[in-house]
Amino acid sequence: MTTAVLSKTAALPSALALGFARGGTELREFFRQKENLLFTISLPALLMLLLGTVYVKEPAAAQMFAASMIGAGIISTSFVGLGMSVVADREDGTLKRLRGTPMPFSSYFLGKIILVFVSSLFEAVLLLVVGILRFDVELPSSAEKWFTFAWVFALGVISCSLIGVALSSIAKSTRNAAGVLNLPYIVLQFLSGVFIMQSMLPESLRTVGSLFPLKWVCQGFRSVFALNDDYAVMEAAGSWELGKIALVLGAWTIVGLVLVSRTFKWSNTSR
C-alpha cells in the first residue's frame, strides 16, 4: 500500500500538462519583454497601414488586403519568430538545460505553439482594429465564416510553426537565423498573394507559391473577409478551394512533424 502511494505521488505530469506549463512560462517571458512584444505584434499592422494607404483605393481591396496581412502576420510569428526563438534557446543553453529535465521535446514544442497562438491572436486583433478604423474593413457576419477563420488560423499556426522549428536546425546562431528564416518568408509573400494577387503572376511563380502554406492561409482568410463569393474569381483557380486549403495545410502539418522529429537538435553539437 505504502509503495503504491509513493509511486503515485512520484508520478510525473503528462507531456500535455508539461506542455501547457511550458506555454505559461513562454507567455510570461514574452509579455515581460515589452519592446519585443510591441515590435512583434504591431509590425504587421504598421505594414498594413503604410502599404494600404498607398495601394488600397476601394472597400473590396481593403477586405482582401486585410485578410492577406492577417495570414502574413501569422506566418511571421509562427515561422520566423518561433524559428528564431528556438535558435536562441539552443544558443544560450536553454535547450541543453531542458534536456536534463523530465520534459520531453514534444512538451517544449507545445509550449512554443501556445505562445504563437496567443501572440498571433493579438496580432490579428490589432490588424482588424487598424483595418476597421482606417480602411472600413467589415467583419464576417456568419458563424460559418468565423468557423473557417478558426480552422485556417489553427492549421496555419501549427503547420508553419513546425516548419519554422525544422528550418531553425540549419541556423547555427541567432546571427544567421534572421537570414535563414526571413529570406523565404519575404520571397513567399510576393509569391503567395499577400502584396500581389496570385492570378497576376506568371504560372511558374504561381506554382512555386502554391507549394507552401502561406498561399493557402492567405486564400483561406480572403474567403472569410470577401464581401461576397464573386471575389473568388480573383484567385488563381477562380474559387476559394476550401477543401484543398484544409488538405494542403494538414499535409504540411504532417510533413512538419516528420521534419522536426528528424532534424531537431538540443544543441549545435548533438541531436
Protein backbone atom coordinates (compact mmCIF):
# COMPACT_ATOMS: atom_id res chain seq x y z
CA MET A 1 0.00 0.00 0.00
CA THR A 2 2.72 2.46 1.01
CA THR A 3 4.76 1.65 -2.09
CA ALA A 4 1.71 2.24 -4.31
CA VAL A 5 1.01 5.61 -2.67
CA LEU A 6 4.64 6.68 -3.06
CA SER A 7 4.64 5.55 -6.66
CA LYS A 8 1.50 7.54 -7.39
CA THR A 9 2.88 10.60 -5.59
CA ALA A 10 6.13 10.45 -7.54
CA ALA A 11 4.41 10.05 -10.91
CA LEU A 12 5.47 12.71 -13.38
CA PRO A 13 2.97 15.03 -15.04
CA SER A 14 1.88 14.06 -18.55
CA ALA A 15 3.57 15.52 -21.62
CA LEU A 16 0.41 17.54 -22.24
CA ALA A 17 0.45 19.04 -18.74
CA LEU A 18 4.14 19.83 -19.06
CA GLY A 19 3.46 21.45 -22.43
CA PHE A 20 0.80 23.75 -21.01
CA ALA A 21 3.10 24.62 -18.11
CA ARG A 22 5.87 25.42 -20.57
CA GLY A 23 3.42 27.52 -22.56
CA GLY A 24 2.70 29.59 -19.44
CA THR A 25 6.42 30.15 -18.96
CA GLU A 26 6.85 31.21 -22.61
CA LEU A 27 3.96 33.67 -22.36
CA ARG A 28 5.29 35.25 -19.16
CA GLU A 29 8.72 35.74 -20.72
CA PHE A 30 7.19 37.13 -23.93
CA PHE A 31 4.99 39.70 -22.20
CA ARG A 32 7.84 40.81 -19.94
CA GLN A 33 9.90 41.83 -22.97
CA LYS A 34 7.83 44.89 -23.80
CA GLU A 35 9.98 46.13 -26.71
CA ASN A 36 9.89 42.73 -28.41
CA LEU A 37 6.18 42.41 -27.65
CA LEU A 38 5.39 45.78 -29.20
CA PHE A 39 7.51 45.14 -32.30
CA THR A 40 6.24 41.61 -32.92
CA ILE A 41 2.54 42.38 -32.58
CA SER A 42 2.48 45.82 -34.18
CA LEU A 43 4.72 45.25 -37.24
CA PRO A 44 2.06 43.62 -39.50
CA ALA A 45 -0.46 46.31 -38.54
CA LEU A 46 2.08 49.02 -39.30
CA LEU A 47 2.86 47.49 -42.69
CA MET A 48 -0.84 47.26 -43.44
CA LEU A 49 -1.32 50.92 -42.51
CA LEU A 50 1.59 52.11 -44.67
CA LEU A 51 1.04 49.91 -47.71
CA GLY A 52 -2.73 50.08 -47.52
CA THR A 53 -2.68 53.87 -47.51
CA VAL A 54 -0.67 53.80 -50.74
CA TYR A 55 -2.34 50.96 -52.64
CA VAL A 56 -5.85 50.40 -51.26
CA LYS A 57 -8.39 52.58 -53.03
CA GLU A 58 -11.71 50.75 -52.58
CA PRO A 59 -13.52 48.73 -49.88
CA ALA A 60 -13.22 45.38 -51.67
CA ALA A 61 -9.45 45.78 -51.98
CA ALA A 62 -9.24 46.69 -48.29
CA GLN A 63 -11.04 43.47 -47.35
CA MET A 64 -8.68 41.34 -49.43
CA PHE A 65 -5.54 43.16 -48.27
CA ALA A 66 -6.51 42.92 -44.59
CA ALA A 67 -7.14 39.19 -44.94
CA SER A 68 -3.79 38.62 -46.64
CA MET A 69 -1.95 40.66 -44.00
CA ILE A 70 -3.50 38.57 -41.22
CA GLY A 71 -2.11 35.48 -42.95
CA ALA A 72 1.32 37.08 -43.41
CA GLY A 73 1.34 38.19 -39.76
CA ILE A 74 0.59 34.69 -38.53
CA ILE A 75 3.34 33.21 -40.67
CA SER A 76 5.77 35.85 -39.46
CA THR A 77 5.08 34.93 -35.85
CA SER A 78 4.98 31.16 -36.30
CA PHE A 79 7.62 30.59 -38.97
CA VAL A 80 10.13 33.42 -38.42
CA GLY A 81 9.55 34.36 -34.78
CA LEU A 82 9.31 30.81 -33.45
CA GLY A 83 12.24 29.59 -35.53
CA MET A 84 14.46 32.36 -34.20
CA SER A 85 13.26 31.67 -30.66
CA VAL A 86 14.34 28.03 -30.91
CA VAL A 87 17.75 29.08 -32.26
CA ALA A 88 18.14 31.49 -29.33
CA ASP A 89 17.17 28.77 -26.83
CA ARG A 90 19.74 26.45 -28.38
CA GLU A 91 22.44 29.11 -28.41
CA ASP A 92 22.04 30.33 -24.82
CA GLY A 93 21.87 26.80 -23.40
CA THR A 94 18.16 26.78 -22.53
CA LEU A 95 17.55 23.64 -24.60
CA LYS A 96 20.57 21.91 -23.09
CA ARG A 97 19.24 22.59 -19.58
CA LEU A 98 15.75 21.43 -20.52
CA ARG A 99 17.20 18.20 -21.89
CA GLY A 100 18.35 17.36 -18.37
CA THR A 101 14.77 17.57 -17.07
CA PRO A 102 11.95 15.01 -17.48
CA MET A 103 10.22 17.30 -20.02
CA PRO A 104 10.07 15.67 -23.50
CA PHE A 105 10.72 17.79 -26.58
CA SER A 106 7.04 17.47 -27.55
CA SER A 107 6.12 19.47 -24.42
CA TYR A 108 8.69 22.10 -25.31
CA PHE A 109 7.13 22.50 -28.76
CA LEU A 110 3.62 22.59 -27.36
CA GLY A 111 4.69 25.46 -25.12
CA LYS A 112 6.13 27.32 -28.11
CA ILE A 113 2.99 26.77 -30.20
CA ILE A 114 0.82 28.08 -27.34
CA LEU A 115 2.94 31.24 -27.40
CA VAL A 116 2.49 31.55 -31.17
CA PHE A 117 -1.29 31.05 -30.92
CA VAL A 118 -1.67 33.78 -28.32
CA SER A 119 0.68 36.28 -29.96
CA SER A 120 -0.85 35.63 -33.41
CA LEU A 121 -4.31 36.21 -31.99
CA PHE A 122 -3.24 39.57 -30.54
CA GLU A 123 -1.65 40.38 -33.89
CA ALA A 124 -4.81 39.53 -35.83
CA VAL A 125 -6.99 41.60 -33.49
CA LEU A 126 -4.71 44.63 -33.91
CA LEU A 127 -4.73 44.20 -37.69
CA LEU A 128 -8.52 44.11 -37.70
CA VAL A 129 -8.76 47.19 -35.49
CA VAL A 130 -6.49 49.10 -37.89
CA GLY A 131 -8.45 47.77 -40.86
CA ILE A 132 -11.79 48.80 -39.38
CA LEU A 133 -10.67 52.26 -38.27
CA ARG A 134 -8.55 53.19 -41.30
CA PHE A 135 -9.95 51.18 -44.21
CA ASP A 136 -13.57 50.46 -43.15
CA VAL A 137 -12.98 46.72 -43.18
CA GLU A 138 -16.16 44.74 -42.45
CA LEU A 139 -16.04 41.73 -40.14
CA PRO A 140 -17.66 38.44 -41.21
CA SER A 141 -21.29 38.23 -40.19
CA SER A 142 -21.88 34.46 -40.24
CA ALA A 143 -20.83 31.64 -37.92
CA GLU A 144 -19.67 29.65 -40.98
CA LYS A 145 -17.17 32.37 -41.90
CA TRP A 146 -15.81 32.54 -38.34
CA PHE A 147 -15.51 28.74 -38.28
CA THR A 148 -13.45 28.90 -41.46
CA PHE A 149 -11.31 31.62 -39.88
CA ALA A 150 -10.73 29.39 -36.82
CA TRP A 151 -9.57 26.26 -38.66
CA VAL A 152 -7.43 28.18 -41.17
CA PHE A 153 -5.86 30.06 -38.23
CA ALA A 154 -5.20 26.84 -36.29
CA LEU A 155 -3.77 24.84 -39.20
CA GLY A 156 -1.72 27.83 -40.37
CA VAL A 157 -0.16 28.37 -36.96
CA ILE A 158 0.61 24.69 -36.35
CA SER A 159 1.98 23.84 -39.80
CA CYS A 160 4.15 26.95 -40.10
CA SER A 161 5.39 26.64 -36.52
CA LEU A 162 6.62 23.12 -37.24
CA ILE A 163 8.30 24.20 -40.47
CA GLY A 164 9.98 27.12 -38.67
CA VAL A 165 11.31 24.80 -35.96
CA ALA A 166 12.61 22.34 -38.57
CA LEU A 167 14.32 25.08 -40.55
CA SER A 168 15.86 26.50 -37.37
CA SER A 169 18.18 23.49 -37.27
CA ILE A 170 20.06 24.97 -40.24
CA ALA A 171 20.93 28.17 -38.36
CA LYS A 172 23.88 27.77 -36.02
CA SER A 173 23.33 31.06 -34.19
CA THR A 174 20.94 33.98 -33.91
CA ARG A 175 23.31 35.96 -36.16
CA ASN A 176 22.45 33.92 -39.24
CA ALA A 177 18.96 32.81 -38.18
CA ALA A 178 17.41 36.05 -39.47
CA GLY A 179 18.72 35.39 -42.96
CA VAL A 180 17.81 31.71 -42.97
CA LEU A 181 14.22 32.39 -41.87
CA ASN A 182 13.43 35.83 -43.29
CA LEU A 183 14.57 35.20 -46.86
CA PRO A 184 11.98 32.52 -47.69
CA TYR A 185 9.31 34.43 -45.79
CA ILE A 186 9.86 37.65 -47.76
CA VAL A 187 10.01 35.85 -51.10
CA LEU A 188 6.88 33.84 -50.36
CA GLN A 189 4.89 36.97 -49.54
CA PHE A 190 5.25 38.02 -53.18
CA LEU A 191 4.52 34.53 -54.50
CA SER A 192 1.55 33.81 -52.23
CA GLY A 193 -0.84 36.67 -52.93
CA VAL A 194 -0.03 38.94 -50.00
CA PHE A 195 1.07 42.02 -51.96
CA ILE A 196 0.17 40.88 -55.48
CA MET A 197 -2.81 38.68 -56.36
CA GLN A 198 -1.55 35.27 -57.42
CA SER A 199 -3.66 35.37 -60.57
CA MET A 200 -1.46 38.24 -61.80
CA LEU A 201 1.77 36.24 -61.51
CA PRO A 202 3.34 34.06 -64.23
CA GLU A 203 2.25 30.43 -64.00
CA SER A 204 5.71 29.25 -62.92
CA LEU A 205 5.70 31.62 -59.93
CA ARG A 206 2.12 30.67 -59.03
CA THR A 207 3.17 27.03 -58.99
CA VAL A 208 6.07 27.73 -56.64
CA GLY A 209 3.90 29.80 -54.31
CA SER A 210 1.24 27.10 -54.24
CA LEU A 211 3.70 24.58 -52.85
CA PHE A 212 3.92 26.38 -49.49
CA PRO A 213 1.39 27.10 -46.72
CA LEU A 214 1.36 30.92 -46.89
CA LYS A 215 -0.60 31.00 -50.14
CA TRP A 216 -3.30 28.74 -48.73
CA VAL A 217 -3.53 30.54 -45.38
CA CYS A 218 -4.00 33.91 -47.10
CA GLN A 219 -6.53 32.46 -49.55
CA GLY A 220 -8.49 30.96 -46.68
CA PHE A 221 -8.65 34.30 -44.88
CA ARG A 222 -9.66 36.09 -48.08
CA SER A 223 -12.62 33.71 -48.37
CA VAL A 224 -13.63 34.79 -44.87
CA PHE A 225 -13.37 38.55 -45.39
CA ALA A 226 -14.55 38.78 -49.01
CA LEU A 227 -17.67 40.93 -49.31
CA ASN A 228 -19.23 38.15 -51.38
CA ASP A 229 -18.20 34.93 -53.12
CA ASP A 230 -17.91 36.69 -56.51
CA TYR A 231 -14.41 37.76 -55.47
CA ALA A 232 -13.28 34.13 -55.65
CA VAL A 233 -12.73 34.61 -59.40
CA MET A 234 -9.71 36.75 -58.49
CA GLU A 235 -7.93 33.70 -57.11
CA ALA A 236 -5.61 31.70 -59.36
CA ALA A 237 -8.08 28.80 -59.56
CA GLY A 238 -11.16 31.02 -59.74
CA SER A 239 -12.56 29.61 -56.48
CA TRP A 240 -11.79 29.57 -52.75
CA GLU A 241 -10.81 25.87 -52.74
CA LEU A 242 -11.52 25.49 -49.01
CA GLY A 243 -11.26 21.71 -49.15
CA LYS A 244 -7.87 21.92 -50.83
CA ILE A 245 -6.72 24.51 -48.27
CA ALA A 246 -7.52 22.08 -45.45
CA LEU A 247 -5.74 19.23 -47.24
CA VAL A 248 -2.60 21.24 -48.04
CA LEU A 249 -2.26 22.71 -44.53
CA GLY A 250 -2.99 19.31 -42.99
CA ALA A 251 -0.33 17.72 -45.20
CA TRP A 252 2.20 20.40 -44.22
CA THR A 253 1.41 19.71 -40.56
CA ILE A 254 2.32 16.05 -41.06
CA VAL A 255 5.43 16.96 -43.06
CA GLY A 256 6.40 19.43 -40.35
CA LEU A 257 6.08 16.79 -37.63
CA VAL A 258 8.31 14.41 -39.61
CA LEU A 259 10.90 17.12 -40.29
CA VAL A 260 11.01 18.21 -36.64
CA SER A 261 11.40 14.64 -35.41
CA ARG A 262 14.32 14.12 -37.78
CA THR A 263 16.09 17.48 -37.55
CA PHE A 264 15.58 18.80 -34.02
CA LYS A 265 18.79 19.34 -32.06
CA TRP A 266 19.13 20.11 -28.36
CA SER A 267 22.46 21.80 -29.08
CA ASN A 268 24.59 22.71 -32.08
CA THR A 269 26.82 19.69 -31.46
CA SER A 270 24.30 16.92 -30.81
CA ARG A 271 20.86 15.64 -31.71
